[in-house]
Amino acid sequence: MAETPPQPAASFPDATLAAYRASIDNIDAALIHMLAERFRITKAVGAHKAAHALPPSDPGREDRQIARLRKLAVDAQLDPDFGEKFLRFIIDEVIRHHQQAQGGGD
């Protein structure tokens, strides 16, 4: 008689793991909604900049934002390098959108 192969760990109920995963799923959903709202606002900023012939990027503001958010990351016990990379990714995408709004991007 053949033995039953071991079941993958995911098939066994684990209430603690399920609760952690539910919290992670909620946080991921909140992040997506927050990013969507942020991009709605930055789209309006891009339209304003295009209408007033303002440059698509503001390196001084970007530097101040990165410094501010690096400090927030440290205070929140998050790796500030990761926080900066995450913010830089968002800023670069916003600038790309602003360039497109001005007819000068992809």
N, C-alpha and C. Protein backbone atom coordinates (compact mmCIF):
# COMPACT_ATOMS: atom_id res chain seq x y z
N MET A 1 0.83 -1.17 0.00
CA MET A 1 0.00 0.00 0.00
C MET A 1 0.89 1.25 0.00
N ALA A 2 0.57 2.21 -0.87
CA ALA A 2 1.38 3.42 -1.01
C ALA A 2 1.07 4.39 0.12
N GLU A 3 2.14 5.07 0.54
CA GLU A 3 1.94 6.08 1.58
C GLU A 3 1.38 7.35 0.97
N THR A 4 0.61 8.09 1.75
CA THR A 4 0.10 9.38 1.32
C THR A 4 1.23 10.39 1.37
N PRO A 5 1.47 11.11 0.27
CA PRO A 5 2.56 12.10 0.30
C PRO A 5 2.26 13.20 1.32
N PRO A 6 3.30 13.78 1.89
CA PRO A 6 3.08 14.87 2.85
C PRO A 6 2.36 16.04 2.18
N GLN A 7 1.50 16.67 2.94
CA GLN A 7 0.74 17.81 2.45
C GLN A 7 1.58 19.08 2.58
N PRO A 8 1.45 19.99 1.62
CA PRO A 8 2.16 21.27 1.77
C PRO A 8 1.67 22.00 3.02
N ALA A 9 2.56 22.74 3.62
CA ALA A 9 2.23 23.44 4.86
C ALA A 9 1.03 24.36 4.70
N ALA A 10 0.84 24.93 3.51
CA ALA A 10 -0.25 25.88 3.29
C ALA A 10 -1.63 25.24 3.45
N SER A 11 -1.71 23.90 3.36
CA SER A 11 -3.01 23.26 3.46
C SER A 11 -3.44 23.04 4.91
N PHE A 12 -2.54 23.24 5.85
CA PHE A 12 -2.88 23.09 7.25
C PHE A 12 -3.34 24.43 7.80
N PRO A 13 -4.47 24.42 8.51
CA PRO A 13 -4.95 25.71 9.05
C PRO A 13 -4.01 26.23 10.13
N ASP A 14 -3.69 27.47 10.03
CA ASP A 14 -2.84 28.15 11.01
C ASP A 14 -3.45 29.53 11.22
N ALA A 15 -4.21 29.66 12.29
CA ALA A 15 -4.95 30.90 12.54
C ALA A 15 -4.03 32.11 12.69
N THR A 16 -2.89 31.91 13.31
CA THR A 16 -1.95 33.04 13.50
C THR A 16 -1.43 33.52 12.16
N LEU A 17 -0.99 32.59 11.31
CA LEU A 17 -0.48 32.96 9.99
C LEU A 17 -1.59 33.60 9.16
N ALA A 18 -2.79 33.05 9.23
CA ALA A 18 -3.91 33.61 8.48
C ALA A 18 -4.20 35.04 8.92
N ALA A 19 -4.11 35.31 10.20
CA ALA A 19 -4.36 36.66 10.72
C ALA A 19 -3.27 37.62 10.24
N TYR A 20 -2.01 37.18 10.28
CA TYR A 20 -0.93 38.02 9.78
C TYR A 20 -1.15 38.34 8.30
N ARG A 21 -1.50 37.32 7.54
CA ARG A 21 -1.69 37.52 6.10
C ARG A 21 -2.87 38.43 5.81
N ALA A 22 -3.93 38.32 6.60
CA ALA A 22 -5.08 39.21 6.42
C ALA A 22 -4.67 40.66 6.68
N SER A 23 -3.85 40.87 7.69
CA SER A 23 -3.36 42.23 7.98
C SER A 23 -2.48 42.74 6.85
N ILE A 24 -1.60 41.89 6.34
CA ILE A 24 -0.75 42.28 5.21
C ILE A 24 -1.60 42.63 4.00
N ASP A 25 -2.63 41.83 3.73
CA ASP A 25 -3.52 42.11 2.60
C ASP A 25 -4.21 43.45 2.76
N ASN A 26 -4.65 43.77 3.98
CA ASN A 26 -5.29 45.06 4.25
C ASN A 26 -4.32 46.22 4.04
N ILE A 27 -3.10 46.04 4.51
CA ILE A 27 -2.09 47.09 4.35
C ILE A 27 -1.76 47.29 2.87
N ASP A 28 -1.62 46.18 2.13
CA ASP A 28 -1.35 46.29 0.69
C ASP A 28 -2.47 47.04 -0.02
N ALA A 29 -3.72 46.74 0.35
CA ALA A 29 -4.86 47.44 -0.26
C ALA A 29 -4.81 48.93 0.08
N ALA A 30 -4.49 49.25 1.32
CA ALA A 30 -4.39 50.66 1.72
C ALA A 30 -3.28 51.37 0.95
N LEU A 31 -2.14 50.69 0.78
CA LEU A 31 -1.04 51.28 0.01
C LEU A 31 -1.47 51.60 -1.41
N ILE A 32 -2.17 50.68 -2.05
CA ILE A 32 -2.62 50.90 -3.42
C ILE A 32 -3.57 52.09 -3.48
N HIS A 33 -4.51 52.16 -2.55
CA HIS A 33 -5.45 53.28 -2.54
C HIS A 33 -4.74 54.60 -2.26
N MET A 34 -3.76 54.58 -1.37
CA MET A 34 -3.01 55.80 -1.07
C MET A 34 -2.18 56.24 -2.28
N LEU A 35 -1.56 55.27 -2.96
CA LEU A 35 -0.79 55.63 -4.16
C LEU A 35 -1.71 56.17 -5.25
N ALA A 36 -2.88 55.56 -5.39
CA ALA A 36 -3.83 56.06 -6.40
C ALA A 36 -4.23 57.50 -6.09
N GLU A 37 -4.49 57.79 -4.84
CA GLU A 37 -4.86 59.17 -4.46
C GLU A 37 -3.68 60.12 -4.69
N ARG A 38 -2.49 59.68 -4.34
CA ARG A 38 -1.30 60.51 -4.55
C ARG A 38 -1.13 60.83 -6.04
N PHE A 39 -1.34 59.83 -6.90
CA PHE A 39 -1.17 60.06 -8.33
C PHE A 39 -2.31 60.90 -8.91
N ARG A 40 -3.50 60.83 -8.32
CA ARG A 40 -4.57 61.74 -8.76
C ARG A 40 -4.16 63.19 -8.50
N ILE A 41 -3.58 63.42 -7.34
CA ILE A 41 -3.16 64.78 -6.97
C ILE A 41 -1.98 65.22 -7.84
N THR A 42 -0.99 64.34 -8.01
CA THR A 42 0.17 64.75 -8.81
C THR A 42 -0.20 64.92 -10.28
N LYS A 43 -1.25 64.25 -10.74
CA LYS A 43 -1.73 64.49 -12.11
C LYS A 43 -2.25 65.92 -12.23
N ALA A 44 -2.98 66.37 -11.21
CA ALA A 44 -3.46 67.76 -11.20
C ALA A 44 -2.29 68.73 -11.14
N VAL A 45 -1.26 68.39 -10.36
CA VAL A 45 -0.06 69.23 -10.29
C VAL A 45 0.59 69.31 -11.67
N GLY A 46 0.69 68.16 -12.35
CA GLY A 46 1.28 68.14 -13.69
C GLY A 46 0.51 69.00 -14.67
N ALA A 47 -0.82 68.95 -14.60
CA ALA A 47 -1.64 69.78 -15.48
C ALA A 47 -1.42 71.26 -15.18
N HIS A 48 -1.33 71.59 -13.89
CA HIS A 48 -1.08 72.98 -13.48
C HIS A 48 0.29 73.45 -13.99
N LYS A 49 1.30 72.59 -13.81
CA LYS A 49 2.64 72.95 -14.28
C LYS A 49 2.64 73.15 -15.79
N ALA A 50 1.97 72.26 -16.52
CA ALA A 50 1.93 72.38 -17.98
C ALA A 50 1.22 73.66 -18.39
N ALA A 51 0.12 74.00 -17.72
CA ALA A 51 -0.65 75.19 -18.06
C ALA A 51 0.12 76.48 -17.77
N HIS A 52 1.04 76.42 -16.82
CA HIS A 52 1.78 77.62 -16.42
C HIS A 52 3.26 77.56 -16.82
N ALA A 53 3.58 76.64 -17.72
CA ALA A 53 4.95 76.50 -18.23
C ALA A 53 5.99 76.35 -17.12
N LEU A 54 5.62 75.59 -16.09
CA LEU A 54 6.55 75.33 -15.00
C LEU A 54 7.31 74.03 -15.30
N PRO A 55 8.53 73.90 -14.81
CA PRO A 55 9.30 72.68 -15.09
C PRO A 55 8.64 71.45 -14.47
N PRO A 56 8.78 70.30 -15.11
CA PRO A 56 8.14 69.09 -14.60
C PRO A 56 8.74 68.58 -13.30
N SER A 57 9.96 68.98 -12.98
CA SER A 57 10.57 68.54 -11.72
C SER A 57 11.05 69.74 -10.93
N ASP A 58 11.20 69.51 -9.63
CA ASP A 58 11.70 70.54 -8.72
C ASP A 58 12.74 69.86 -7.83
N PRO A 59 14.00 69.81 -8.30
CA PRO A 59 15.02 69.07 -7.56
C PRO A 59 15.18 69.50 -6.10
N GLY A 60 15.00 70.78 -5.81
CA GLY A 60 15.11 71.24 -4.42
C GLY A 60 14.04 70.63 -3.55
N ARG A 61 12.80 70.65 -4.04
CA ARG A 61 11.71 70.04 -3.27
C ARG A 61 11.93 68.54 -3.12
N GLU A 62 12.37 67.90 -4.20
CA GLU A 62 12.62 66.45 -4.14
C GLU A 62 13.66 66.13 -3.07
N ASP A 63 14.73 66.91 -3.03
CA ASP A 63 15.77 66.69 -2.01
C ASP A 63 15.21 66.88 -0.60
N ARG A 64 14.38 67.93 -0.41
CA ARG A 64 13.79 68.17 0.91
C ARG A 64 12.85 67.03 1.30
N GLN A 65 12.05 66.55 0.34
CA GLN A 65 11.13 65.46 0.61
C GLN A 65 11.88 64.18 0.98
N ILE A 66 12.93 63.89 0.25
CA ILE A 66 13.71 62.69 0.54
C ILE A 66 14.33 62.79 1.93
N ALA A 67 14.90 63.92 2.27
CA ALA A 67 15.49 64.10 3.60
C ALA A 67 14.43 63.94 4.68
N ARG A 68 13.27 64.55 4.46
CA ARG A 68 12.17 64.46 5.45
C ARG A 68 11.71 63.02 5.60
N LEU A 69 11.54 62.31 4.50
CA LEU A 69 11.03 60.95 4.57
C LEU A 69 12.10 59.96 5.05
N ARG A 70 13.36 60.27 4.83
CA ARG A 70 14.42 59.42 5.42
C ARG A 70 14.35 59.51 6.94
N LYS A 71 14.13 60.72 7.46
CA LYS A 71 14.01 60.88 8.92
C LYS A 71 12.77 60.15 9.43
N LEU A 72 11.66 60.27 8.72
CA LEU A 72 10.45 59.54 9.12
C LEU A 72 10.70 58.03 9.12
N ALA A 73 11.44 57.55 8.13
CA ALA A 73 11.75 56.12 8.07
C ALA A 73 12.56 55.70 9.29
N VAL A 74 13.57 56.48 9.64
CA VAL A 74 14.37 56.15 10.82
C VAL A 74 13.47 56.13 12.06
N ASP A 75 12.64 57.15 12.21
CA ASP A 75 11.73 57.22 13.36
C ASP A 75 10.78 56.03 13.41
N ALA A 76 10.41 55.51 12.23
CA ALA A 76 9.48 54.38 12.14
C ALA A 76 10.20 53.03 12.15
N GLN A 77 11.52 53.06 12.33
CA GLN A 77 12.35 51.86 12.33
C GLN A 77 12.29 51.12 10.99
N LEU A 78 12.28 51.91 9.91
CA LEU A 78 12.33 51.39 8.55
C LEU A 78 13.68 51.80 7.96
N ASP A 79 14.29 50.94 7.20
CA ASP A 79 15.56 51.25 6.57
C ASP A 79 15.41 52.51 5.71
N PRO A 80 16.11 53.60 6.05
CA PRO A 80 15.95 54.84 5.30
C PRO A 80 16.39 54.71 3.84
N ASP A 81 17.34 53.82 3.55
CA ASP A 81 17.73 53.61 2.16
C ASP A 81 16.57 53.00 1.36
N PHE A 82 15.87 52.05 1.97
CA PHE A 82 14.69 51.48 1.31
C PHE A 82 13.63 52.56 1.12
N GLY A 83 13.37 53.36 2.16
CA GLY A 83 12.39 54.44 2.07
C GLY A 83 12.73 55.41 0.95
N GLU A 84 14.01 55.74 0.84
CA GLU A 84 14.43 56.66 -0.23
C GLU A 84 14.24 56.03 -1.60
N LYS A 85 14.61 54.77 -1.76
CA LYS A 85 14.43 54.09 -3.05
C LYS A 85 12.95 54.05 -3.44
N PHE A 86 12.11 53.77 -2.47
CA PHE A 86 10.66 53.72 -2.72
C PHE A 86 10.16 55.08 -3.16
N LEU A 87 10.54 56.13 -2.42
CA LEU A 87 10.11 57.48 -2.76
C LEU A 87 10.69 57.93 -4.10
N ARG A 88 11.94 57.61 -4.36
CA ARG A 88 12.57 58.00 -5.63
C ARG A 88 11.84 57.35 -6.80
N PHE A 89 11.42 56.10 -6.64
CA PHE A 89 10.66 55.42 -7.68
C PHE A 89 9.37 56.18 -7.97
N ILE A 90 8.68 56.60 -6.91
CA ILE A 90 7.42 57.34 -7.07
C ILE A 90 7.69 58.70 -7.71
N ILE A 91 8.69 59.42 -7.21
CA ILE A 91 9.01 60.75 -7.76
C ILE A 91 9.36 60.65 -9.24
N ASP A 92 10.17 59.66 -9.60
CA ASP A 92 10.55 59.51 -11.00
C ASP A 92 9.33 59.26 -11.88
N GLU A 93 8.39 58.47 -11.39
CA GLU A 93 7.17 58.20 -12.15
C GLU A 93 6.32 59.47 -12.28
N VAL A 94 6.23 60.25 -11.22
CA VAL A 94 5.48 61.52 -11.27
C VAL A 94 6.12 62.47 -12.28
N ILE A 95 7.43 62.58 -12.26
CA ILE A 95 8.12 63.46 -13.21
C ILE A 95 7.85 63.01 -14.64
N ARG A 96 7.88 61.71 -14.86
CA ARG A 96 7.57 61.18 -16.20
C ARG A 96 6.17 61.59 -16.62
N HIS A 97 5.21 61.50 -15.71
CA HIS A 97 3.84 61.92 -16.02
C HIS A 97 3.78 63.42 -16.33
N HIS A 98 4.53 64.21 -15.55
CA HIS A 98 4.53 65.66 -15.78
C HIS A 98 5.16 65.99 -17.14
N GLN A 99 6.19 65.26 -17.49
CA GLN A 99 6.80 65.48 -18.82
C GLN A 99 5.81 65.13 -19.92
N GLN A 100 5.06 64.06 -19.73
CA GLN A 100 4.04 63.69 -20.72
C GLN A 100 2.96 64.76 -20.81
N ALA A 101 2.58 65.34 -19.67
CA ALA A 101 1.55 66.37 -19.67
C ALA A 101 2.01 67.60 -20.46
N GLN A 102 3.32 67.81 -20.49
CA GLN A 102 3.88 68.95 -21.22
C GLN A 102 4.25 68.56 -22.65
N GLY A 103 3.95 67.32 -23.01
CA GLY A 103 4.24 66.88 -24.38
C GLY A 103 5.69 66.55 -24.62
N GLY A 104 6.46 66.36 -23.55
CA GLY A 104 7.89 66.10 -23.76
C GLY A 104 8.35 64.76 -23.27
N GLY A 105 7.42 63.86 -22.96
CA GLY A 105 7.84 62.56 -22.44
C GLY A 105 7.44 61.44 -23.36
N ASP A 106 7.65 60.23 -22.86
CA ASP A 106 7.36 58.98 -23.61
C ASP A 106 6.10 59.04 -24.40
